């Protein structure tokens, strides 16, 4: 059910905007700003069914839990893969955003990938309602990201946004508060982590955990040669003799490991430019491409895109938060929300 804009619970409501991401969930409370920014992970005791931890605390347990405690990532490729645990995770984050007050029934705007199916939309809505939302509005993530990045999306000009999250990369061209072209590729931050795991395994016969791979990506990852190449020590398990081992990896090696996922993202941007109507393409030549999402922080990705497309490329001011900030702006501007929310 889209927002009715006249909720009987409005007097109780602290309206929320949620970026329910594959890697992180961010919650914005109207009038307060971002109050929750935590990993989309929940740790559950399999014997009792009890939730042991959610978010940051649960992430610290990844790969380190006893057999009866399972650390679960209930979101996959930007959508709900595990209905029950997403609901419990959402419930926790909503209560945390409202200082654990359980009687609050907020109206919620949620960002979702642009090519989400009807079944996936229903799953997101139902999870939010079960987590005590009074009303739910869904907004496409690239639209929310463009609003959060301060792009003039209501004007009759072409705006191109590339939102690289944990599970998906959304490429969209927006004009007059509508998405003219959009494409979602299921290659993003998590795929980059996995590429690093596989590269180290192939080259050094060393198995590393996903937390280590993410750390390597953040510290050494790049899409284009760095001015000063770097290296770091990593620890893992030698697959030949099964004992722990330490080795040094370089930023050149990590760039090689990331070449495939980075090429897929760049290919999606090029395809979007080919499919964009000529008048809007001319606007993009002037305005450039805006990068958002955690993947926008990959070193020199803007440089590589600039070289491959010949267009100006900018990274949004706070790329990790633009989706939730854009959804949060819609809590103040119901006219805009009416225009952009999904049916």
C-alpha atoms as a PDB file:
ATOM      1  CA  UNK A   1       0.000   0.000   0.000  1.00  0.00           C
ATOM      2  CA  UNK A   2       1.548   3.343  -1.014  1.00  0.00           C
ATOM      3  CA  UNK A   3       1.520   6.246   1.453  1.00  0.00           C
ATOM      4  CA  UNK A   4      -1.938   7.658   2.060  1.00  0.00           C
ATOM      5  CA  UNK A   5      -0.228  10.791   3.456  1.00  0.00           C
ATOM      6  CA  UNK A   6      -2.876  10.910   6.229  1.00  0.00           C
ATOM      7  CA  UNK A   7      -2.014   8.157   8.661  1.00  0.00           C
ATOM      8  CA  UNK A   8      -4.135   7.672  11.802  1.00  0.00           C
ATOM      9  CA  UNK A   9      -0.798   6.952  13.525  1.00  0.00           C
ATOM     10  CA  UNK A  10       0.832  10.197  12.379  1.00  0.00           C
ATOM     11  CA  UNK A  11       0.659  11.702  15.874  1.00  0.00           C
ATOM     12  CA  UNK A  12       2.772   8.793  17.214  1.00  0.00           C
ATOM     13  CA  UNK A  13       4.889   8.504  14.147  1.00  0.00           C
ATOM     14  CA  UNK A  14       8.559   9.257  13.803  1.00  0.00           C
ATOM     15  CA  UNK A  15       8.707   8.741  10.051  1.00  0.00           C
ATOM     16  CA  UNK A  16      11.693   6.696   8.872  1.00  0.00           C
ATOM     17  CA  UNK A  17      13.686   6.269   5.683  1.00  0.00           C
ATOM     18  CA  UNK A  18      15.546   2.970   5.318  1.00  0.00           C
ATOM     19  CA  UNK A  19      18.274   1.908   2.929  1.00  0.00           C
ATOM     20  CA  UNK A  20      17.929  -1.855   3.330  1.00  0.00           C
ATOM     21  CA  UNK A  21      21.166  -2.892   1.674  1.00  0.00           C
ATOM     22  CA  UNK A  22      22.869  -6.221   1.060  1.00  0.00           C
ATOM     23  CA  UNK A  23      25.919  -5.130   3.068  1.00  0.00           C
ATOM     24  CA  UNK A  24      24.632  -2.317   5.327  1.00  0.00           C
ATOM     25  CA  UNK A  25      21.295  -1.019   6.581  1.00  0.00           C
ATOM     26  CA  UNK A  26      20.952   2.710   7.232  1.00  0.00           C
ATOM     27  CA  UNK A  27      17.994   4.293   9.019  1.00  0.00           C
ATOM     28  CA  UNK A  28      17.121   7.990   8.859  1.00  0.00           C
ATOM     29  CA  UNK A  29      14.674   9.439  11.395  1.00  0.00           C
ATOM     30  CA  UNK A  30      12.747  12.533  10.323  1.00  0.00           C
ATOM     31  CA  UNK A  31      14.058  15.518  12.257  1.00  0.00           C
ATOM     32  CA  UNK A  32      17.086  13.614  13.613  1.00  0.00           C
ATOM     33  CA  UNK A  33      19.065  12.394  10.611  1.00  0.00           C
ATOM     34  CA  UNK A  34      20.841   9.027  10.281  1.00  0.00           C
ATOM     35  CA  UNK A  35      20.557   7.133  13.583  1.00  0.00           C
ATOM     36  CA  UNK A  36      21.498   3.602  12.446  1.00  0.00           C
ATOM     37  CA  UNK A  37      24.335   2.527  10.126  1.00  0.00           C
ATOM     38  CA  UNK A  38      25.051  -1.163  10.680  1.00  0.00           C
ATOM     39  CA  UNK A  39      25.890  -4.324   8.693  1.00  0.00           C
ATOM     40  CA  UNK A  40      22.863  -6.278   7.417  1.00  0.00           C
ATOM     41  CA  UNK A  41      23.730  -9.345   9.499  1.00  0.00           C
ATOM     42  CA  UNK A  42      21.844 -11.211  12.224  1.00  0.00           C
ATOM     43  CA  UNK A  43      23.280 -13.919  14.516  1.00  0.00           C
ATOM     44  CA  UNK A  44      20.785 -16.567  15.625  1.00  0.00           C
ATOM     45  CA  UNK A  45      21.035 -19.434  18.108  1.00  0.00           C
ATOM     46  CA  UNK A  46      19.848 -22.463  16.117  1.00  0.00           C
ATOM     47  CA  UNK A  47      18.904 -24.434  19.232  1.00  0.00           C
ATOM     48  CA  UNK A  48      16.679 -21.796  20.830  1.00  0.00           C
ATOM     49  CA  UNK A  49      15.827 -19.587  17.813  1.00  0.00           C
ATOM     50  CA  UNK A  50      16.919 -16.587  19.897  1.00  0.00           C
ATOM     51  CA  UNK A  51      18.551 -13.604  18.183  1.00  0.00           C
ATOM     52  CA  UNK A  52      22.026 -13.344  19.734  1.00  0.00           C
ATOM     53  CA  UNK A  53      23.174 -10.186  17.933  1.00  0.00           C
ATOM     54  CA  UNK A  54      22.309  -7.850  15.041  1.00  0.00           C
ATOM     55  CA  UNK A  55      24.410  -5.477  12.937  1.00  0.00           C
ATOM     56  CA  UNK A  56      27.952  -4.587  14.011  1.00  0.00           C
ATOM     57  CA  UNK A  57      27.966  -7.094  16.883  1.00  0.00           C
ATOM     58  CA  UNK A  58      26.784  -9.886  14.544  1.00  0.00           C
ATOM     59  CA  UNK A  59      29.434  -8.963  11.925  1.00  0.00           C
ATOM     60  CA  UNK A  60      32.176  -9.450  14.509  1.00  0.00           C
ATOM     61  CA  UNK A  61      30.903 -13.029  14.889  1.00  0.00           C
ATOM     62  CA  UNK A  62      31.222 -13.852  11.144  1.00  0.00           C
ATOM     63  CA  UNK A  63      33.330 -16.993  10.757  1.00  0.00           C
ATOM     64  CA  UNK A  64      33.921 -17.120  14.539  1.00  0.00           C
ATOM     65  CA  UNK A  65      30.736 -18.625  15.950  1.00  0.00           C
ATOM     66  CA  UNK A  66      30.227 -22.066  17.540  1.00  0.00           C
ATOM     67  CA  UNK A  67      28.136 -24.514  15.532  1.00  0.00           C
ATOM     68  CA  UNK A  68      24.850 -23.627  17.215  1.00  0.00           C
ATOM     69  CA  UNK A  69      25.103 -19.877  16.454  1.00  0.00           C
ATOM     70  CA  UNK A  70      24.647 -18.899  12.828  1.00  0.00           C
ATOM     71  CA  UNK A  71      25.568 -15.450  11.459  1.00  0.00           C
ATOM     72  CA  UNK A  72      23.114 -14.826   8.597  1.00  0.00           C
ATOM     73  CA  UNK A  73      23.078 -12.218   5.824  1.00  0.00           C
ATOM     74  CA  UNK A  74      19.346 -12.168   5.002  1.00  0.00           C
ATOM     75  CA  UNK A  75      19.687  -9.774   2.032  1.00  0.00           C
ATOM     76  CA  UNK A  76      21.125 -10.949  -1.280  1.00  0.00           C
ATOM     77  CA  UNK A  77      21.592  -8.890  -4.453  1.00  0.00           C
ATOM     78  CA  UNK A  78      19.714  -5.990  -2.878  1.00  0.00           C
ATOM     79  CA  UNK A  79      16.577  -8.012  -2.146  1.00  0.00           C
ATOM     80  CA  UNK A  80      15.282 -10.257   0.629  1.00  0.00           C
ATOM     81  CA  UNK A  81      16.665 -13.796   0.486  1.00  0.00           C
ATOM     82  CA  UNK A  82      15.584 -14.801   3.992  1.00  0.00           C
ATOM     83  CA  UNK A  83      12.167 -13.400   4.877  1.00  0.00           C
ATOM     84  CA  UNK A  84      12.005 -14.313   8.570  1.00  0.00           C
ATOM     85  CA  UNK A  85      15.466 -13.008   9.476  1.00  0.00           C
ATOM     86  CA  UNK A  86      15.064  -9.795   7.463  1.00  0.00           C
ATOM     87  CA  UNK A  87      11.900  -9.091   9.438  1.00  0.00           C
ATOM     88  CA  UNK A  88      13.658  -9.675  12.778  1.00  0.00           C
ATOM     89  CA  UNK A  89      16.600  -7.537  11.685  1.00  0.00           C
ATOM     90  CA  UNK A  90      14.304  -4.715  10.516  1.00  0.00           C
ATOM     91  CA  UNK A  91      12.378  -4.865  13.769  1.00  0.00           C
ATOM     92  CA  UNK A  92      15.634  -4.455  15.704  1.00  0.00           C
ATOM     93  CA  UNK A  93      16.833  -1.503  13.575  1.00  0.00           C
ATOM     94  CA  UNK A  94      13.456   0.291  13.747  1.00  0.00           C
ATOM     95  CA  UNK A  95      13.377  -0.051  17.532  1.00  0.00           C
ATOM     96  CA  UNK A  96      16.999   1.088  17.769  1.00  0.00           C
ATOM     97  CA  UNK A  97      16.216   4.148  15.625  1.00  0.00           C
ATOM     98  CA  UNK A  98      13.429   5.016  18.066  1.00  0.00           C
ATOM     99  CA  UNK A  99      15.464   4.399  21.240  1.00  0.00           C
ATOM    100  CA  UNK A 100      13.867   0.969  21.800  1.00  0.00           C
ATOM    101  CA  UNK A 101      10.335   2.397  22.064  1.00  0.00           C
ATOM    102  CA  UNK A 102       8.126  -0.499  20.994  1.00  0.00           C
ATOM    103  CA  UNK A 103       4.777   1.330  20.620  1.00  0.00           C
ATOM    104  CA  UNK A 104       5.953   3.487  17.693  1.00  0.00           C
ATOM    105  CA  UNK A 105       4.358   2.664  14.307  1.00  0.00           C
ATOM    106  CA  UNK A 106       6.323   4.746  11.820  1.00  0.00           C
ATOM    107  CA  UNK A 107       5.609   5.487   8.190  1.00  0.00           C
ATOM    108  CA  UNK A 108       8.603   4.195   6.243  1.00  0.00           C
ATOM    109  CA  UNK A 109      10.209   5.008   2.879  1.00  0.00           C
ATOM    110  CA  UNK A 110      12.473   2.139   1.726  1.00  0.00           C
ATOM    111  CA  UNK A 111      15.007   2.189  -1.120  1.00  0.00           C
ATOM    112  CA  UNK A 112      14.939  -0.856  -3.428  1.00  0.00           C
ATOM    113  CA  UNK A 113      16.908  -1.821  -6.604  1.00  0.00           C
ATOM    114  CA  UNK A 114      15.484  -0.331  -9.799  1.00  0.00           C
ATOM    115  CA  UNK A 115      14.659  -3.648 -11.519  1.00  0.00           C
ATOM    116  CA  UNK A 116      12.961  -5.269  -8.531  1.00  0.00           C
ATOM    117  CA  UNK A 117      10.176  -7.785  -9.296  1.00  0.00           C
ATOM    118  CA  UNK A 118       6.608  -7.594  -7.958  1.00  0.00           C
ATOM    119  CA  UNK A 119       7.313 -10.605  -5.707  1.00  0.00           C
ATOM    120  CA  UNK A 120      10.416  -8.910  -4.273  1.00  0.00           C
ATOM    121  CA  UNK A 121       8.465  -5.653  -3.725  1.00  0.00           C
ATOM    122  CA  UNK A 122       5.816  -7.555  -1.815  1.00  0.00           C
ATOM    123  CA  UNK A 123       8.472  -9.247   0.342  1.00  0.00           C
ATOM    124  CA  UNK A 124      10.021  -5.886   1.317  1.00  0.00           C
ATOM    125  CA  UNK A 125       6.614  -4.336   2.098  1.00  0.00           C
ATOM    126  CA  UNK A 126       5.447  -7.310   4.158  1.00  0.00           C
ATOM    127  CA  UNK A 127       8.711  -7.385   6.154  1.00  0.00           C
ATOM    128  CA  UNK A 128       8.282  -3.697   7.002  1.00  0.00           C
ATOM    129  CA  UNK A 129       4.620  -4.145   8.016  1.00  0.00           C
ATOM    130  CA  UNK A 130       5.499  -7.127  10.231  1.00  0.00           C
ATOM    131  CA  UNK A 131       8.188  -4.938  11.810  1.00  0.00           C
ATOM    132  CA  UNK A 132       5.327  -2.597  12.885  1.00  0.00           C
ATOM    133  CA  UNK A 133       5.311  -0.004  10.067  1.00  0.00           C
ATOM    134  CA  UNK A 134       1.974   1.797   9.703  1.00  0.00           C
ATOM    135  CA  UNK A 135       2.570   2.658   6.017  1.00  0.00           C
ATOM    136  CA  UNK A 136       5.300   1.746   3.531  1.00  0.00           C
ATOM    137  CA  UNK A 137       6.479   3.511   0.364  1.00  0.00           C
ATOM    138  CA  UNK A 138       9.094   1.988  -1.940  1.00  0.00           C
ATOM    139  CA  UNK A 139      11.459   4.176  -3.948  1.00  0.00           C
ATOM    140  CA  UNK A 140      14.039   3.048  -6.484  1.00  0.00           C
ATOM    141  CA  UNK A 141      17.540   3.340  -5.025  1.00  0.00           C
ATOM    142  CA  UNK A 142      19.077   5.268  -7.948  1.00  0.00           C
ATOM    143  CA  UNK A 143      16.257   7.841  -7.670  1.00  0.00           C
ATOM    144  CA  UNK A 144      16.806   8.170  -3.904  1.00  0.00           C
ATOM    145  CA  UNK A 145      20.592   8.338  -4.465  1.00  0.00           C
ATOM    146  CA  UNK A 146      20.211  11.109  -7.060  1.00  0.00           C
ATOM    147  CA  UNK A 147      18.012  13.120  -4.659  1.00  0.00           C
ATOM    148  CA  UNK A 148      20.456  12.492  -1.801  1.00  0.00           C
ATOM    149  CA  UNK A 149      23.367  13.612  -4.002  1.00  0.00           C
ATOM    150  CA  UNK A 150      21.542  16.892  -4.720  1.00  0.00           C
ATOM    151  CA  UNK A 151      21.006  16.255  -8.449  1.00  0.00           C
ATOM    152  CA  UNK A 152      18.260  18.364 -10.137  1.00  0.00           C
ATOM    153  CA  UNK A 153      16.055  15.339 -10.856  1.00  0.00           C
ATOM    154  CA  UNK A 154      12.788  17.269 -11.357  1.00  0.00           C
ATOM    155  CA  UNK A 155      14.198  19.354 -14.233  1.00  0.00           C
ATOM    156  CA  UNK A 156      13.891  18.271 -17.893  1.00  0.00           C
ATOM    157  CA  UNK A 157      17.603  17.435 -18.091  1.00  0.00           C
ATOM    158  CA  UNK A 158      19.515  14.165 -18.108  1.00  0.00           C
ATOM    159  CA  UNK A 159      21.090  13.070 -14.818  1.00  0.00           C
ATOM    160  CA  UNK A 160      23.126   9.871 -14.698  1.00  0.00           C
ATOM    161  CA  UNK A 161      23.735   8.094 -11.394  1.00  0.00           C
ATOM    162  CA  UNK A 162      25.727   4.905 -10.793  1.00  0.00           C
ATOM    163  CA  UNK A 163      24.914   3.421  -7.372  1.00  0.00           C
ATOM    164  CA  UNK A 164      27.362   0.636  -6.467  1.00  0.00           C
ATOM    165  CA  UNK A 165      26.106  -1.132  -3.343  1.00  0.00           C
ATOM    166  CA  UNK A 166      26.969  -4.434  -1.680  1.00  0.00           C
ATOM    167  CA  UNK A 167      24.883  -6.748  -3.874  1.00  0.00           C
ATOM    168  CA  UNK A 168      23.880  -4.697  -6.922  1.00  0.00           C
ATOM    169  CA  UNK A 169      25.024  -1.831  -9.111  1.00  0.00           C
ATOM    170  CA  UNK A 170      22.182   0.381 -10.336  1.00  0.00           C
ATOM    171  CA  UNK A 171      22.823   2.584 -13.361  1.00  0.00           C
ATOM    172  CA  UNK A 172      20.054   5.074 -14.121  1.00  0.00           C
ATOM    173  CA  UNK A 173      19.329   8.127 -16.242  1.00  0.00           C
ATOM    174  CA  UNK A 174      16.767  10.416 -14.613  1.00  0.00           C
ATOM    175  CA  UNK A 175      14.792  13.334 -16.012  1.00  0.00           C
ATOM    176  CA  UNK A 176      11.670  15.140 -14.738  1.00  0.00           C
ATOM    177  CA  UNK A 177      11.456  12.919 -11.612  1.00  0.00           C
ATOM    178  CA  UNK A 178      11.262   9.779 -13.760  1.00  0.00           C
ATOM    179  CA  UNK A 179      13.738   7.056 -14.638  1.00  0.00           C
ATOM    180  CA  UNK A 180      14.299   7.182 -18.396  1.00  0.00           C
ATOM    181  CA  UNK A 181      16.688   4.232 -18.438  1.00  0.00           C
ATOM    182  CA  UNK A 182      17.811   1.868 -15.707  1.00  0.00           C
ATOM    183  CA  UNK A 183      19.818  -1.297 -15.465  1.00  0.00           C
ATOM    184  CA  UNK A 184      20.704  -3.383 -12.426  1.00  0.00           C
ATOM    185  CA  UNK A 185      23.724  -5.679 -12.547  1.00  0.00           C
ATOM    186  CA  UNK A 186      24.182  -8.114  -9.683  1.00  0.00           C
ATOM    187  CA  UNK A 187      27.863  -7.298  -9.406  1.00  0.00           C
ATOM    188  CA  UNK A 188      29.010  -4.909  -6.682  1.00  0.00           C
ATOM    189  CA  UNK A 189      30.974  -4.815  -3.403  1.00  0.00           C
ATOM    190  CA  UNK A 190      30.317  -8.433  -2.321  1.00  0.00           C
ATOM    191  CA  UNK A 191      31.361  -9.753  -5.738  1.00  0.00           C
ATOM    192  CA  UNK A 192      34.587  -7.737  -5.428  1.00  0.00           C
ATOM    193  CA  UNK A 193      35.290  -9.337  -2.021  1.00  0.00           C
ATOM    194  CA  UNK A 194      34.658 -12.799  -3.485  1.00  0.00           C
ATOM    195  CA  UNK A 195      36.983 -12.023  -6.444  1.00  0.00           C
ATOM    196  CA  UNK A 196      39.776 -11.243  -3.951  1.00  0.00           C
ATOM    197  CA  UNK A 197      39.117 -14.508  -2.023  1.00  0.00           C
ATOM    198  CA  UNK A 198      39.299 -16.540  -5.263  1.00  0.00           C
ATOM    199  CA  UNK A 199      42.414 -14.743  -6.551  1.00  0.00           C
ATOM    200  CA  UNK A 200      44.382 -15.370  -3.293  1.00  0.00           C
ATOM    201  CA  UNK A 201      43.192 -18.994  -3.299  1.00  0.00           C
ATOM    202  CA  UNK A 202      44.226 -19.513  -6.935  1.00  0.00           C
ATOM    203  CA  UNK A 203      47.588 -17.716  -6.737  1.00  0.00           C
ATOM    204  CA  UNK A 204      48.783 -18.602  -3.235  1.00  0.00           C
ATOM    205  CA  UNK A 205      46.670 -21.631  -2.276  1.00  0.00           C
ATOM    206  CA  UNK A 206      45.615 -19.605   0.776  1.00  0.00           C
ATOM    207  CA  UNK A 207      42.044 -19.389   2.035  1.00  0.00           C
ATOM    208  CA  UNK A 208      41.049 -16.048   3.557  1.00  0.00           C
ATOM    209  CA  UNK A 209      37.757 -15.032   5.179  1.00  0.00           C
ATOM    210  CA  UNK A 210      35.306 -12.508   3.748  1.00  0.00           C
ATOM    211  CA  UNK A 211      36.133  -9.943   6.439  1.00  0.00           C
ATOM    212  CA  UNK A 212      39.809 -10.102   5.451  1.00  0.00           C
ATOM    213  CA  UNK A 213      38.870  -9.774   1.753  1.00  0.00           C
ATOM    214  CA  UNK A 214      36.772  -6.688   2.500  1.00  0.00           C
ATOM    215  CA  UNK A 215      39.640  -5.166   4.461  1.00  0.00           C
ATOM    216  CA  UNK A 216      42.031  -5.818   1.541  1.00  0.00           C
ATOM    217  CA  UNK A 217      39.561  -4.201  -0.900  1.00  0.00           C
ATOM    218  CA  UNK A 218      39.180  -1.083   1.270  1.00  0.00           C
ATOM    219  CA  UNK A 219      42.905  -0.642   1.909  1.00  0.00           C
ATOM    220  CA  UNK A 220      44.447  -1.748  -1.399  1.00  0.00           C
ATOM    221  CA  UNK A 221      41.625  -1.991  -3.954  1.00  0.00           C
ATOM    222  CA  UNK A 222      41.699   0.261  -7.026  1.00  0.00           C
ATOM    223  CA  UNK A 223      40.305   0.403 -10.552  1.00  0.00           C
ATOM    224  CA  UNK A 224      43.252   2.282 -12.083  1.00  0.00           C
ATOM    225  CA  UNK A 225      46.989   2.452 -11.221  1.00  0.00           C
ATOM    226  CA  UNK A 226      47.740   4.352  -8.011  1.00  0.00           C
ATOM    227  CA  UNK A 227      50.315   7.148  -7.712  1.00  0.00           C
ATOM    228  CA  UNK A 228      51.973   5.108  -4.983  1.00  0.00           C
ATOM    229  CA  UNK A 229      51.330   1.372  -5.003  1.00  0.00           C
ATOM    230  CA  UNK A 230      50.906  -0.204  -1.547  1.00  0.00           C
ATOM    231  CA  UNK A 231      50.980  -3.599   0.157  1.00  0.00           C
ATOM    232  CA  UNK A 232      49.679  -5.251   3.336  1.00  0.00           C
ATOM    233  CA  UNK A 233      50.050  -8.451   5.328  1.00  0.00           C
ATOM    234  CA  UNK A 234      47.141 -10.902   5.362  1.00  0.00           C
ATOM    235  CA  UNK A 235      46.508 -14.111   7.296  1.00  0.00           C
ATOM    236  CA  UNK A 236      44.684 -17.207   6.145  1.00  0.00           C
ATOM    237  CA  UNK A 237      44.820 -21.005   6.040  1.00  0.00           C
ATOM    238  CA  UNK A 238      47.221 -22.783   3.734  1.00  0.00           C
ATOM    239  CA  UNK A 239      45.165 -25.259   1.690  1.00  0.00           C
ATOM    240  CA  UNK A 240      48.086 -27.665   1.231  1.00  0.00           C
ATOM    241  CA  UNK A 241      49.048 -28.347   4.852  1.00  0.00           C
ATOM    242  CA  UNK A 242      46.047 -26.783   6.603  1.00  0.00           C
ATOM    243  CA  UNK A 243      48.045 -24.517   8.909  1.00  0.00           C
ATOM    244  CA  UNK A 244      47.653 -20.726   9.341  1.00  0.00           C
ATOM    245  CA  UNK A 245      49.963 -18.654   7.179  1.00  0.00           C
ATOM    246  CA  UNK A 246      50.808 -14.973   6.618  1.00  0.00           C
ATOM    247  CA  UNK A 247      51.651 -13.377   3.271  1.00  0.00           C
ATOM    248  CA  UNK A 248      52.007  -9.908   1.744  1.00  0.00           C
ATOM    249  CA  UNK A 249      49.702  -8.788  -1.083  1.00  0.00           C
ATOM    250  CA  UNK A 250      50.172  -5.701  -3.240  1.00  0.00           C
ATOM    251  CA  UNK A 251      47.707  -3.171  -4.645  1.00  0.00           C
ATOM    252  CA  UNK A 252      48.663  -4.298  -8.196  1.00  0.00           C
ATOM    253  CA  UNK A 253      47.562  -7.847  -7.360  1.00  0.00           C
ATOM    254  CA  UNK A 254      44.295  -6.635  -5.842  1.00  0.00           C
ATOM    255  CA  UNK A 255      43.605  -4.512  -8.936  1.00  0.00           C
ATOM    256  CA  UNK A 256      44.141  -7.618 -11.075  1.00  0.00           C
ATOM    257  CA  UNK A 257      41.766  -9.577  -8.793  1.00  0.00           C
ATOM    258  CA  UNK A 258      39.100  -6.860  -9.172  1.00  0.00           C
ATOM    259  CA  UNK A 259      39.447  -6.445 -12.944  1.00  0.00           C
ATOM    260  CA  UNK A 260      36.425  -8.603 -13.863  1.00  0.00           C
ATOM    261  CA  UNK A 261      33.814  -7.062 -11.492  1.00  0.00           C
ATOM    262  CA  UNK A 262      35.099  -3.538 -12.290  1.00  0.00           C
ATOM    263  CA  UNK A 263      34.831  -4.255 -16.055  1.00  0.00           C
ATOM    264  CA  UNK A 264      31.213  -5.435 -15.622  1.00  0.00           C
ATOM    265  CA  UNK A 265      30.281  -2.192 -13.801  1.00  0.00           C
ATOM    266  CA  UNK A 266      31.984  -0.093 -16.510  1.00  0.00           C
ATOM    267  CA  UNK A 267      30.232  -2.132 -19.219  1.00  0.00           C
ATOM    268  CA  UNK A 268      26.838  -1.369 -17.608  1.00  0.00           C
ATOM    269  CA  UNK A 269      27.650   2.378 -17.627  1.00  0.00           C
ATOM    270  CA  UNK A 270      28.663   2.264 -21.300  1.00  0.00           C
ATOM    271  CA  UNK A 271      25.490   0.384 -22.208  1.00  0.00           C
ATOM    272  CA  UNK A 272      23.391   2.991 -20.381  1.00  0.00           C
ATOM    273  CA  UNK A 273      25.098   5.771 -22.354  1.00  0.00           C
ATOM    274  CA  UNK A 274      24.356   3.925 -25.628  1.00  0.00           C
ATOM    275  CA  UNK A 275      20.666   3.542 -24.693  1.00  0.00           C
ATOM    276  CA  UNK A 276      20.133   7.140 -23.529  1.00  0.00           C
ATOM    277  CA  UNK A 277      18.106   9.444 -25.845  1.00  0.00           C
ATOM    278  CA  UNK A 278      20.437  11.922 -27.655  1.00  0.00           C
ATOM    279  CA  UNK A 279      19.103  15.089 -25.964  1.00  0.00           C
ATOM    280  CA  UNK A 280      19.611  13.611 -22.496  1.00  0.00           C
ATOM    281  CA  UNK A 281      23.006  12.193 -23.498  1.00  0.00           C
ATOM    282  CA  UNK A 282      24.073  15.756 -24.394  1.00  0.00           C
ATOM    283  CA  UNK A 283      23.137  16.860 -20.836  1.00  0.00           C
ATOM    284  CA  UNK A 284      25.240  14.033 -19.371  1.00  0.00           C
ATOM    285  CA  UNK A 285      28.233  15.212 -21.437  1.00  0.00           C
ATOM    286  CA  UNK A 286      27.866  18.605 -19.670  1.00  0.00           C
ATOM    287  CA  UNK A 287      26.900  17.404 -16.180  1.00  0.00           C
ATOM    288  CA  UNK A 288      28.844  14.165 -16.025  1.00  0.00           C
ATOM    289  CA  UNK A 289      28.176  10.909 -14.177  1.00  0.00           C
ATOM    290  CA  UNK A 290      27.707  10.793 -10.400  1.00  0.00           C
ATOM    291  CA  UNK A 291      28.991   7.759  -8.458  1.00  0.00           C
ATOM    292  CA  UNK A 292      27.257   6.702  -5.237  1.00  0.00           C
ATOM    293  CA  UNK A 293      27.198   3.713  -2.859  1.00  0.00           C
ATOM    294  CA  UNK A 294      30.113   2.071  -1.051  1.00  0.00           C
ATOM    295  CA  UNK A 295      31.648   0.947  -4.365  1.00  0.00           C
ATOM    296  CA  UNK A 296      32.142   4.597  -5.341  1.00  0.00           C
ATOM    297  CA  UNK A 297      34.926   4.663  -2.708  1.00  0.00           C
ATOM    298  CA  UNK A 298      37.029   2.155  -4.700  1.00  0.00           C
ATOM    299  CA  UNK A 299      40.197   4.119  -5.391  1.00  0.00           C
ATOM    300  CA  UNK A 300      40.474   5.670  -8.883  1.00  0.00           C
ATOM    301  CA  UNK A 301      37.178   4.217 -10.135  1.00  0.00           C
ATOM    302  CA  UNK A 302      36.205   7.764 -11.159  1.00  0.00           C
ATOM    303  CA  UNK A 303      39.515   8.103 -13.066  1.00  0.00           C
ATOM    304  CA  UNK A 304      39.010   4.785 -14.861  1.00  0.00           C
ATOM    305  CA  UNK A 305      35.420   5.690 -15.837  1.00  0.00           C
ATOM    306  CA  UNK A 306      36.571   9.116 -17.032  1.00  0.00           C
ATOM    307  CA  UNK A 307      39.158   7.461 -19.263  1.00  0.00           C
ATOM    308  CA  UNK A 308      36.730   4.826 -20.606  1.00  0.00           C
ATOM    309  CA  UNK A 309      33.822   7.206 -21.341  1.00  0.00           C
ATOM    310  CA  UNK A 310      35.492  10.569 -21.924  1.00  0.00           C
ATOM    311  CA  UNK A 311      32.906  12.150 -19.590  1.00  0.00           C
ATOM    312  CA  UNK A 312      33.272  14.054 -16.310  1.00  0.00           C
ATOM    313  CA  UNK A 313      32.817  11.664 -13.336  1.00  0.00           C
ATOM    314  CA  UNK A 314      32.086  12.894  -9.806  1.00  0.00           C
ATOM    315  CA  UNK A 315      31.834  10.975  -6.544  1.00  0.00           C
ATOM    316  CA  UNK A 316      28.854  12.017  -4.376  1.00  0.00           C
ATOM    317  CA  UNK A 317      29.763  13.884  -1.163  1.00  0.00           C
ATOM    318  CA  UNK A 318      28.751  11.065   1.171  1.00  0.00           C
ATOM    319  CA  UNK A 319      28.401   8.080  -1.201  1.00  0.00           C
ATOM    320  CA  UNK A 320      27.518   5.575   1.552  1.00  0.00           C
ATOM    321  CA  UNK A 321      24.570   7.645   2.781  1.00  0.00           C
ATOM    322  CA  UNK A 322      23.032   9.175  -0.368  1.00  0.00           C
ATOM    323  CA  UNK A 323      20.230   6.587  -0.743  1.00  0.00           C
ATOM    324  CA  UNK A 324      18.959   6.999   2.828  1.00  0.00           C
ATOM    325  CA  UNK A 325      19.445  10.798   2.719  1.00  0.00           C
ATOM    326  CA  UNK A 326      17.425  10.978  -0.516  1.00  0.00           C
ATOM    327  CA  UNK A 327      14.673   8.796   0.966  1.00  0.00           C
ATOM    328  CA  UNK A 328      14.809  11.002   4.075  1.00  0.00           C
ATOM    329  CA  UNK A 329      14.275  14.157   1.981  1.00  0.00           C
ATOM    330  CA  UNK A 330      11.060  12.595   0.670  1.00  0.00           C
ATOM    331  CA  UNK A 331       9.709  12.422   4.221  1.00  0.00           C
ATOM    332  CA  UNK A 332       9.743  16.239   4.106  1.00  0.00           C
ATOM    333  CA  UNK A 333       8.467  16.488   0.518  1.00  0.00           C
ATOM    334  CA  UNK A 334       5.355  14.340   0.055  1.00  0.00           C
ATOM    335  CA  UNK A 335       4.688  15.860  -3.397  1.00  0.00           C
ATOM    336  CA  UNK A 336       8.001  14.514  -4.629  1.00  0.00           C
ATOM    337  CA  UNK A 337       7.378  11.166  -2.904  1.00  0.00           C
ATOM    338  CA  UNK A 338       4.005  10.876  -4.688  1.00  0.00           C
ATOM    339  CA  UNK A 339       5.768  11.372  -8.016  1.00  0.00           C
ATOM    340  CA  UNK A 340       8.582   8.877  -7.494  1.00  0.00           C
ATOM    341  CA  UNK A 341       7.228   6.068  -5.268  1.00  0.00           C
ATOM    342  CA  UNK A 342       6.639   2.652  -6.842  1.00  0.00           C
ATOM    343  CA  UNK A 343       3.112   1.276  -7.169  1.00  0.00           C
END
